[in-house]
Amino acid sequence: MAVTLEQAQRVGYTFLKALLRFAFMVANNLVAIPSYVLYLIVLQPLRILDSKSFWYIEGVLFKWLLAMVASWGWWAGYTVVEWGDDVKAVSEDEAMVLVNHQATGDVCTLMMCLQDKGTVVRQMMWLMDHIFKYTNFGIVSLIHGDFFIRQGKAHRDQQLVLLKDHLEKYYWSRNRKWIVLFPEGGFLRKRRETSQAFAKKNNLPFLKHVTLPRLGATQVILKTLVAPQENGTPSGGDAVRKVSKSKGLQWVIDTTIAYPKAEPIDIQTWILGYRQPTVTHVHYRIFPVKDVPAEPEALTNWLYQRFIEKEDLLTHFYETGAFPPPQGQTKAISREMTLSNLWLVAIQSFAFLSGGMWYCLFQYLYHCLF
């Protein structure tokens, strides 16, 4: 089949655009990430004198870094429409966010749609696969205090102990409020067959658009971060909690990400922008943490029910192009999530100016010393 001149031009334009976007992303990372690290090195005396102010500044810089990642997709036309409960209403409270996992672009989507949710991004903690520790963003997540979890039965018990220790050490001392995790334990395409076999063996529902979640990390988070007991003793047993005056987890936010035609966006697409502009749909449902059972078997059933509901939500979305209305209502209301291009340009400009400043400073020090 012959390729027309118009088709060749379109392919050439897409390739050139992808190449330029990749070059910009590389330059962006080369200036933004080292600048983040260097600013925090310089601010180490403040960390000793006023830890709260130090982590406030770190959180602002962290949010800006995530906004830069969001801008790569935003400027490629990858936007977000939100459905269900309005999570802005609980943005200042402590919450655990449960998300279905389809591709690497899920994290980028969350980085985008949480940008306009008040202080959430700068005060959030992420649970992610340990492989992300070795990416360009790994050093940022390590400094911020995110937790990298190793998958597999051989590591499971040890990882849950490490997670509990990590939460007690970093969550309250750094004034974290939201914690984000993917309970399925991996991408849909990798876990679906195993999950369906497990469901068949244990007489559980057959799921196509999500997989059955794993209990471990969710249970540790709830046990460690719930509100203080009636006698006033923090359930996690950490004295830092008294200092931070944390109320403990107050909400569980069940978050469902849906892509048109069930075609998820991966990180390569997000960076290179070769797919046509796409609207990703994100559905939220908020549960009071007091309504979440603590006993393992009851919690497992509760968690399974959330993902069965996700299955129903996604089935309805793929059939109709919209999420169903809440129970008792006749119409579902969607909200288009927006970002300010001026704000994104300002943040990108700050990153490149910072990179230039650090370069000039090191050049000056080099000439002075040598």
Protein backbone atom coordinates (compact mmCIF):
# COMPACT_ATOMS: atom_id res chain seq x y z
CA MET A 1 0.00 0.00 0.00
CA ALA A 2 1.52 3.28 -1.18
CA VAL A 3 2.13 6.04 1.32
CA THR A 4 0.82 9.41 0.24
CA LEU A 5 2.81 12.62 0.61
CA GLU A 6 0.33 13.84 3.22
CA GLN A 7 0.75 10.69 5.29
CA ALA A 8 4.54 10.92 5.07
CA GLN A 9 4.42 14.56 6.19
CA ARG A 10 2.17 13.64 9.12
CA VAL A 11 4.54 10.87 10.23
CA GLY A 12 7.52 13.18 9.84
CA TYR A 13 5.82 15.90 11.88
CA THR A 14 4.89 13.42 14.63
CA PHE A 15 8.45 12.10 14.75
CA LEU A 16 9.97 15.61 14.88
CA LYS A 17 7.54 16.69 17.59
CA ALA A 18 8.33 13.57 19.63
CA LEU A 19 12.07 14.21 19.24
CA LEU A 20 11.74 17.83 20.37
CA ARG A 21 9.53 16.85 23.31
CA PHE A 22 12.06 14.19 24.37
CA ALA A 23 14.89 16.72 24.18
CA PHE A 24 12.88 19.16 26.30
CA MET A 25 12.10 16.44 28.87
CA VAL A 26 15.78 15.52 29.15
CA ALA A 27 16.78 19.17 29.56
CA ASN A 28 13.97 19.65 32.07
CA ASN A 29 15.22 16.73 34.17
CA LEU A 30 18.85 17.82 33.93
CA VAL A 31 18.07 21.21 35.48
CA ALA A 32 15.05 20.55 37.72
CA ILE A 33 16.12 17.43 39.64
CA PRO A 34 19.69 18.55 40.48
CA SER A 35 18.31 21.96 41.46
CA TYR A 36 15.81 20.32 43.84
CA VAL A 37 18.63 18.32 45.45
CA LEU A 38 21.00 21.30 45.71
CA TYR A 39 18.37 23.60 47.22
CA LEU A 40 17.70 21.02 49.93
CA ILE A 41 21.43 20.53 50.59
CA VAL A 42 21.84 24.27 51.10
CA LEU A 43 18.78 24.28 53.39
CA GLN A 44 20.10 21.55 55.71
CA PRO A 45 20.79 24.07 58.53
CA LEU A 46 17.09 25.04 58.38
CA ARG A 47 16.19 21.36 58.72
CA ILE A 48 18.04 21.31 62.05
CA LEU A 49 16.69 24.65 63.30
CA ASP A 50 13.11 24.44 61.98
CA SER A 51 12.20 21.05 60.54
CA LYS A 52 8.61 22.07 59.83
CA SER A 53 9.68 24.98 57.59
CA PHE A 54 12.24 22.81 55.82
CA TRP A 55 9.67 20.17 54.88
CA TYR A 56 7.21 22.87 53.84
CA ILE A 57 9.77 24.22 51.34
CA GLU A 58 10.64 20.70 50.21
CA GLY A 59 6.93 20.02 49.64
CA VAL A 60 6.55 23.13 47.48
CA LEU A 61 9.55 22.13 45.36
CA PHE A 62 8.19 18.58 45.13
CA LYS A 63 4.82 19.85 43.92
CA TRP A 64 6.54 21.96 41.28
CA LEU A 65 8.49 18.95 40.04
CA LEU A 66 5.28 16.95 39.72
CA ALA A 67 3.70 19.91 37.91
CA MET A 68 6.52 19.77 35.37
CA VAL A 69 5.71 16.12 34.70
CA ALA A 70 2.02 17.06 34.45
CA SER A 71 2.89 19.80 31.93
CA TRP A 72 4.38 17.29 29.49
CA GLY A 73 0.99 15.59 29.18
CA TRP A 74 -1.07 18.77 29.48
CA TRP A 75 0.71 20.43 26.54
CA ALA A 76 0.26 17.23 24.48
CA GLY A 77 -3.51 17.48 25.01
CA TYR A 78 -3.79 14.70 27.60
CA THR A 79 -6.40 16.18 29.91
CA VAL A 80 -8.51 14.87 32.79
CA VAL A 81 -12.25 14.88 33.54
CA GLU A 82 -13.24 14.05 37.12
CA TRP A 83 -16.38 12.30 38.35
CA GLY A 84 -17.98 11.30 41.63
CA ASP A 85 -17.21 12.88 44.99
CA ASP A 86 -15.34 16.19 45.15
CA VAL A 87 -12.06 15.37 46.90
CA LYS A 88 -11.23 19.05 47.35
CA ALA A 89 -13.61 18.93 50.31
CA VAL A 90 -11.19 16.62 52.16
CA SER A 91 -7.92 17.98 50.78
CA GLU A 92 -6.81 19.26 54.20
CA ASP A 93 -7.65 15.99 55.98
CA GLU A 94 -5.62 12.80 56.11
CA ALA A 95 -6.62 10.19 53.55
CA MET A 96 -5.54 6.94 51.96
CA VAL A 97 -6.03 6.85 48.17
CA LEU A 98 -6.68 3.46 46.52
CA VAL A 99 -6.09 3.46 42.75
CA ASN A 100 -6.49 0.85 40.01
CA HIS A 101 -3.31 0.31 38.01
CA GLN A 102 -3.15 -0.12 34.23
CA ALA A 103 0.07 1.52 33.03
CA THR A 104 2.92 3.83 33.98
CA GLY A 105 0.81 6.77 32.86
CA ASP A 106 -1.50 6.28 35.86
CA VAL A 107 1.06 8.00 38.09
CA CYS A 108 1.40 10.89 35.63
CA THR A 109 -2.39 11.24 35.52
CA LEU A 110 -2.51 11.50 39.32
CA MET A 111 0.34 14.00 39.30
CA MET A 112 -1.81 16.13 37.00
CA CYS A 113 -5.27 15.83 38.51
CA LEU A 114 -4.10 16.37 42.11
CA GLN A 115 -2.29 19.61 41.29
CA ASP A 116 -5.36 21.74 41.96
CA LYS A 117 -6.29 19.99 45.24
CA GLY A 118 -4.77 22.46 47.69
CA THR A 119 -1.80 21.19 49.69
CA VAL A 120 -2.33 17.54 48.72
CA VAL A 121 0.62 17.11 46.35
CA ARG A 122 3.27 18.63 48.58
CA GLN A 123 2.06 16.67 51.63
CA MET A 124 1.44 13.30 50.02
CA MET A 125 3.38 10.05 50.25
CA TRP A 126 3.51 7.54 47.40
CA LEU A 127 3.85 3.75 47.58
CA MET A 128 5.40 2.53 44.35
CA ASP A 129 7.27 -0.43 42.91
CA HIS A 130 10.94 -0.52 43.93
CA ILE A 131 12.02 -0.30 40.28
CA PHE A 132 11.09 3.40 40.30
CA LYS A 133 13.92 3.98 42.78
CA TYR A 134 16.32 3.54 39.87
CA THR A 135 14.63 6.02 37.53
CA ASN A 136 15.57 9.67 37.10
CA PHE A 137 12.88 10.61 39.64
CA GLY A 138 14.08 8.08 42.23
CA ILE A 139 16.34 10.49 44.13
CA VAL A 140 13.45 12.94 44.47
CA SER A 141 11.10 10.29 45.87
CA LEU A 142 13.78 9.06 48.28
CA ILE A 143 14.31 12.56 49.67
CA HIS A 144 10.57 13.26 49.82
CA GLY A 145 10.04 10.06 51.83
CA ASP A 146 8.06 7.87 49.45
CA PHE A 147 8.17 4.11 49.99
CA PHE A 148 9.46 1.67 47.38
CA ILE A 149 7.93 -1.78 47.80
CA ARG A 150 9.28 -5.03 46.36
CA GLN A 151 6.67 -7.38 44.92
CA GLY A 152 6.60 -11.15 45.28
CA LYS A 153 5.92 -13.70 48.01
CA ALA A 154 9.59 -13.92 48.95
CA HIS A 155 9.67 -10.27 50.00
CA ARG A 156 6.08 -9.71 51.18
CA ASP A 157 6.39 -10.14 54.96
CA GLN A 158 9.63 -8.20 55.20
CA GLN A 159 8.28 -5.38 53.04
CA LEU A 160 5.23 -4.94 55.29
CA VAL A 161 7.48 -4.62 58.35
CA LEU A 162 9.62 -2.07 56.51
CA LEU A 163 6.48 -0.18 55.45
CA LYS A 164 5.27 0.09 59.05
CA ASP A 165 8.68 1.35 60.19
CA HIS A 166 8.78 3.81 57.29
CA LEU A 167 5.36 5.25 58.11
CA GLU A 168 6.21 5.69 61.78
CA LYS A 169 9.48 7.38 60.92
CA TYR A 170 8.44 9.70 58.09
CA TYR A 171 4.67 10.16 57.82
CA TRP A 172 4.03 12.32 60.88
CA SER A 173 7.48 13.92 61.20
CA ARG A 174 7.11 15.34 57.66
CA ASN A 175 3.44 16.30 58.14
CA ARG A 176 2.13 14.01 55.42
CA LYS A 177 -1.64 13.93 54.81
CA TRP A 178 -2.42 11.74 51.79
CA ILE A 179 -0.89 8.36 51.03
CA VAL A 180 -1.36 6.84 47.57
CA LEU A 181 -1.12 3.15 46.76
CA PHE A 182 -2.06 0.68 44.02
CA PRO A 183 -3.49 -2.36 45.89
CA GLU A 184 -3.50 -4.61 42.81
CA GLY A 185 0.27 -4.93 43.15
CA GLY A 186 1.05 -4.48 39.47
CA PHE A 187 -0.28 -3.55 36.05
CA LEU A 188 -3.62 -4.97 34.90
CA ARG A 189 -2.16 -6.72 31.85
CA LYS A 190 0.42 -8.54 33.99
CA ARG A 191 -1.85 -9.62 36.84
CA ARG A 192 -5.23 -10.21 35.17
CA GLU A 193 -4.74 -13.89 34.26
CA THR A 194 -3.39 -14.81 37.71
CA SER A 195 -6.15 -12.84 39.43
CA GLN A 196 -8.88 -14.51 37.38
CA ALA A 197 -7.46 -17.95 38.18
CA PHE A 198 -7.43 -17.09 41.90
CA ALA A 199 -11.00 -15.79 41.67
CA LYS A 200 -12.20 -18.98 39.98
CA LYS A 201 -10.48 -21.16 42.57
CA ASN A 202 -12.00 -19.20 45.47
CA ASN A 203 -15.47 -18.64 44.00
CA LEU A 204 -14.95 -14.87 43.61
CA PRO A 205 -16.28 -12.60 40.84
CA PHE A 206 -14.62 -12.76 37.42
CA LEU A 207 -13.02 -9.35 36.75
CA LYS A 208 -11.78 -8.07 33.38
CA HIS A 209 -10.99 -4.38 33.94
CA VAL A 210 -9.31 -4.65 37.36
CA THR A 211 -7.70 -7.42 39.41
CA LEU A 212 -8.37 -8.56 42.95
CA PRO A 213 -6.40 -6.33 45.34
CA ARG A 214 -3.85 -7.46 47.88
CA LEU A 215 -4.48 -6.75 51.54
CA GLY A 216 -1.00 -6.32 53.05
CA ALA A 217 -0.06 -2.67 52.48
CA THR A 218 -3.63 -1.42 53.00
CA GLN A 219 -3.87 -3.20 56.34
CA VAL A 220 -0.48 -1.87 57.53
CA ILE A 221 -1.42 1.68 56.60
CA LEU A 222 -4.76 1.49 58.41
CA LYS A 223 -3.22 -0.07 61.52
CA THR A 224 -0.39 2.46 61.64
CA LEU A 225 -2.14 5.68 60.67
CA VAL A 226 -5.61 5.43 62.19
CA ALA A 227 -6.78 7.95 64.77
CA PRO A 228 -5.54 7.72 68.38
CA GLN A 229 -7.22 5.23 70.68
CA GLU A 230 -9.68 6.38 73.31
CA ASN A 231 -6.95 6.43 75.94
CA GLY A 232 -5.07 8.99 73.87
CA THR A 233 -2.22 6.73 72.82
CA PRO A 234 -1.39 6.89 69.09
CA SER A 235 -2.06 3.52 67.52
CA GLY A 236 1.25 3.66 65.70
CA GLY A 237 3.08 4.20 69.00
CA ASP A 238 5.21 7.06 67.69
CA ALA A 239 5.82 10.10 69.87
CA VAL A 240 6.23 12.31 66.83
CA ARG A 241 2.53 11.96 66.24
CA LYS A 242 1.72 13.87 69.44
CA VAL A 243 3.99 16.67 68.32
CA SER A 244 2.36 16.95 64.88
CA LYS A 245 -1.13 16.80 66.43
CA SER A 246 -2.23 14.45 63.65
CA LYS A 247 -5.85 13.39 63.64
CA GLY A 248 -4.91 10.19 61.88
CA LEU A 249 -6.45 8.89 58.67
CA GLN A 250 -9.98 10.21 58.30
CA TRP A 251 -10.91 9.07 54.79
CA VAL A 252 -10.35 6.38 52.20
CA ILE A 253 -10.60 7.76 48.66
CA ASP A 254 -11.41 5.04 46.15
CA THR A 255 -10.03 6.33 42.83
CA THR A 256 -10.80 4.73 39.47
CA ILE A 257 -8.89 5.73 36.33
CA ALA A 258 -10.51 5.05 32.95
CA TYR A 259 -9.01 5.56 29.49
CA PRO A 260 -11.13 5.79 26.33
CA LYS A 261 -11.40 2.39 24.60
CA ALA A 262 -9.50 0.87 27.55
CA GLU A 263 -6.22 2.05 26.00
CA PRO A 264 -4.04 3.31 28.87
CA ILE A 265 -1.36 5.95 28.43
CA ASP A 266 2.18 4.85 29.29
CA ILE A 267 5.06 7.11 30.31
CA GLN A 268 6.58 6.98 26.82
CA THR A 269 3.39 8.36 25.29
CA TRP A 270 3.19 11.01 28.03
CA ILE A 271 6.71 12.19 27.22
CA LEU A 272 6.74 11.91 23.43
CA GLY A 273 3.12 12.94 22.83
CA TYR A 274 2.64 10.85 19.69
CA ARG A 275 -0.93 9.86 20.56
CA GLN A 276 -3.76 12.19 19.61
CA PRO A 277 -5.13 14.39 22.44
CA THR A 278 -6.91 12.13 24.93
CA VAL A 279 -9.25 12.74 27.86
CA THR A 280 -8.60 10.47 30.85
CA HIS A 281 -11.51 10.04 33.25
CA VAL A 282 -11.00 9.78 37.02
CA HIS A 283 -13.79 8.76 39.39
CA TYR A 284 -13.63 9.37 43.16
CA ARG A 285 -15.63 7.85 45.98
CA ILE A 286 -14.92 8.91 49.58
CA PHE A 287 -15.43 6.60 52.57
CA PRO A 288 -15.05 7.62 56.25
CA VAL A 289 -12.24 5.53 57.69
CA LYS A 290 -14.46 4.66 60.67
CA ASP A 291 -16.62 2.64 58.26
CA VAL A 292 -13.66 0.54 57.10
CA PRO A 293 -13.36 -2.74 59.07
CA ALA A 294 -10.09 -3.49 60.86
CA GLU A 295 -10.36 -7.28 61.16
CA PRO A 296 -8.37 -8.93 58.30
CA GLU A 297 -11.15 -11.05 56.83
CA ALA A 298 -13.71 -8.23 56.94
CA LEU A 299 -11.15 -5.79 55.52
CA THR A 300 -10.36 -8.21 52.70
CA ASN A 301 -14.06 -8.45 51.81
CA TRP A 302 -14.41 -4.67 52.00
CA LEU A 303 -11.41 -4.17 49.73
CA TYR A 304 -12.65 -6.80 47.26
CA GLN A 305 -16.01 -5.02 47.16
CA ARG A 306 -14.31 -1.75 46.21
CA PHE A 307 -12.65 -3.39 43.21
CA ILE A 308 -15.84 -5.19 42.21
CA GLU A 309 -17.45 -1.75 42.15
CA LYS A 310 -14.53 -0.48 40.07
CA GLU A 311 -15.23 -3.29 37.61
CA ASP A 312 -18.86 -2.14 37.34
CA LEU A 313 -17.79 1.50 36.95
CA LEU A 314 -15.33 0.68 34.19
CA THR A 315 -17.76 -1.64 32.39
CA HIS A 316 -20.33 1.16 32.33
CA PHE A 317 -17.71 3.66 31.17
CA TYR A 318 -16.45 1.50 28.30
CA GLU A 319 -20.02 0.88 27.15
CA THR A 320 -21.30 4.47 27.41
CA GLY A 321 -18.27 6.78 27.59
CA ALA A 322 -19.33 8.06 31.02
CA PHE A 323 -19.43 6.88 34.60
CA PRO A 324 -22.85 6.01 36.06
CA PRO A 325 -24.65 8.49 38.34
CA PRO A 326 -24.38 8.00 42.11
CA GLN A 327 -26.99 5.81 43.73
CA GLY A 328 -30.27 7.67 44.10
CA GLN A 329 -29.42 10.21 41.39
CA THR A 330 -30.40 10.30 37.75
CA LYS A 331 -27.43 12.13 36.28
CA ALA A 332 -23.67 11.90 36.77
CA ILE A 333 -21.86 15.22 36.96
CA SER A 334 -18.35 15.56 35.56
CA ARG A 335 -15.79 18.28 36.20
CA GLU A 336 -13.06 19.24 33.75
CA MET A 337 -9.75 19.53 35.53
CA THR A 338 -7.69 22.53 34.39
CA LEU A 339 -4.14 23.77 34.80
CA SER A 340 -2.85 27.30 34.23
CA ASN A 341 -0.43 27.47 31.31
CA LEU A 342 1.04 30.66 32.79
CA TRP A 343 1.74 28.86 36.07
CA LEU A 344 3.32 25.91 34.26
CA VAL A 345 5.54 28.24 32.21
CA ALA A 346 6.56 30.06 35.41
CA ILE A 347 7.56 26.79 37.09
CA GLN A 348 9.49 25.60 34.06
CA SER A 349 11.23 28.98 33.84
CA PHE A 350 12.18 28.76 37.52
CA ALA A 351 13.69 25.33 36.91
CA PHE A 352 15.85 26.47 34.00
CA LEU A 353 16.88 29.68 35.79
CA SER A 354 17.83 27.60 38.83
CA GLY A 355 19.87 25.26 36.66
CA GLY A 356 21.68 28.25 35.15
CA MET A 357 22.30 29.73 38.59
CA TRP A 358 23.81 26.53 39.97
CA TYR A 359 25.96 26.12 36.87
CA CYS A 360 27.34 29.66 37.17
CA LEU A 361 27.93 29.20 40.90
CA PHE A 362 29.93 26.01 40.39
CA GLN A 363 31.88 27.61 37.56
CA TYR A 364 32.76 30.53 39.84
CA LEU A 365 33.80 28.22 42.69
CA TYR A 366 35.89 26.14 40.31
CA HIS A 367 37.80 29.20 39.05
CA CYS A 368 38.29 30.47 42.59
CA LEU A 369 39.70 27.17 43.79
CA PHE A 370 41.73 26.22 40.75
